[in-house]
Amino acid sequence: MPLWLYWVLLGLIAGSLAKFLVPGRDPSGCIVTVALGILGAFIGGLIGSALGWGHVTAGDFDLRSLGIATLGAIIVLLVGRILRRLR
């Protein structure tokens, strides 16, 4: 599987899980969910690597990568909601 397709798939799954786990209304579609997941995977990978939890691996789809990406997507989702309320 090409690397970019792996990141899109991981982004879609992590973004969907983040939206499912964090209750609330989000009027965004599939593209925003994928972007949320990809950005979450990047941020989760940075946080996970810094704390020694592991990192998001490219090419190997495992639960640790999915968990770290979902954690990052939840953080991005919550920050986005806070910024939206401040406007």
Protein backbone atom coordinates (compact mmCIF):
# COMPACT_ATOMS: atom_id res chain seq x y z
CA MET A 1 0.00 0.00 0.00
CA PRO A 2 1.43 3.45 -0.85
CA LEU A 3 2.46 5.55 2.13
CA TRP A 4 0.02 8.38 1.44
CA LEU A 5 -2.89 5.93 1.28
CA TYR A 6 -1.85 4.47 4.63
CA TRP A 7 -1.93 7.94 6.22
CA VAL A 8 -5.35 8.74 4.72
CA LEU A 9 -6.75 5.43 5.99
CA LEU A 10 -5.23 5.93 9.43
CA GLY A 11 -6.53 9.53 9.43
CA LEU A 12 -10.05 8.44 8.53
CA ILE A 13 -10.17 5.80 11.26
CA ALA A 14 -8.53 7.98 13.94
CA GLY A 15 -10.68 11.02 13.08
CA SER A 16 -13.85 8.94 13.14
CA LEU A 17 -12.92 7.38 16.48
CA ALA A 18 -12.15 10.81 17.94
CA LYS A 19 -15.52 12.16 16.83
CA PHE A 20 -17.23 9.07 18.25
CA LEU A 21 -15.43 9.23 21.62
CA VAL A 22 -15.84 12.98 22.18
CA PRO A 23 -19.55 13.86 22.36
CA GLY A 24 -20.86 17.02 20.77
CA ARG A 25 -22.00 18.46 17.48
CA ASP A 26 -19.46 18.83 14.72
CA PRO A 27 -20.84 19.99 11.38
CA SER A 28 -17.93 18.66 9.36
CA GLY A 29 -17.79 16.08 6.62
CA CYS A 30 -15.53 13.25 5.58
CA ILE A 31 -12.66 15.43 4.29
CA VAL A 32 -12.45 17.35 7.57
CA THR A 33 -12.57 14.08 9.50
CA VAL A 34 -9.65 12.69 7.49
CA ALA A 35 -7.69 15.93 7.96
CA LEU A 36 -8.45 15.83 11.69
CA GLY A 37 -7.16 12.27 11.88
CA ILE A 38 -4.00 12.95 9.86
CA LEU A 39 -3.16 16.02 11.94
CA GLY A 40 -4.01 14.02 15.06
CA ALA A 41 -1.69 11.21 13.98
CA PHE A 42 1.12 13.71 13.52
CA ILE A 43 0.52 15.39 16.90
CA GLY A 44 -0.08 12.06 18.63
CA GLY A 45 3.15 10.72 17.15
CA LEU A 46 5.06 13.71 18.49
CA ILE A 47 3.52 13.40 21.96
CA GLY A 48 3.90 9.60 22.03
CA SER A 49 7.54 9.77 20.99
CA ALA A 50 8.31 12.48 23.55
CA LEU A 51 6.71 10.48 26.37
CA GLY A 52 8.23 7.17 25.29
CA TRP A 53 4.90 5.52 24.45
CA GLY A 54 6.01 4.63 20.96
CA HIS A 55 5.24 6.32 17.67
CA VAL A 56 2.92 6.13 14.71
CA THR A 57 4.58 3.65 12.38
CA ALA A 58 4.30 3.99 8.64
CA GLY A 59 3.39 0.82 6.84
CA ASP A 60 2.50 -1.27 9.89
CA PHE A 61 -1.12 -0.90 10.94
CA ASP A 62 -1.20 -1.81 14.62
CA LEU A 63 -3.33 -0.82 17.60
CA ARG A 64 -0.60 1.31 19.19
CA SER A 65 -0.39 3.51 16.10
CA LEU A 66 -4.17 3.78 15.95
CA GLY A 67 -4.40 4.64 19.66
CA ILE A 68 -1.73 7.32 19.47
CA ALA A 69 -3.31 8.82 16.33
CA THR A 70 -6.76 8.81 17.95
CA LEU A 71 -5.39 10.50 21.08
CA GLY A 72 -3.85 13.20 18.92
CA ALA A 73 -7.10 13.60 16.96
CA ILE A 74 -9.04 14.03 20.21
CA ILE A 75 -6.63 16.77 21.26
CA VAL A 76 -7.00 18.52 17.88
CA LEU A 77 -10.80 18.19 18.08
CA LEU A 78 -10.98 19.68 21.58
CA VAL A 79 -8.64 22.57 20.71
CA GLY A 80 -10.73 23.28 17.61
CA ARG A 81 -13.91 23.39 19.67
CA ILE A 82 -12.33 25.75 22.19
CA LEU A 83 -11.11 28.06 19.43
CA ARG A 84 -14.54 28.00 17.75
CA ARG A 85 -16.23 29.04 21.01
CA LEU A 86 -13.81 31.93 21.56
CA ARG A 87 -14.95 33.54 18.31
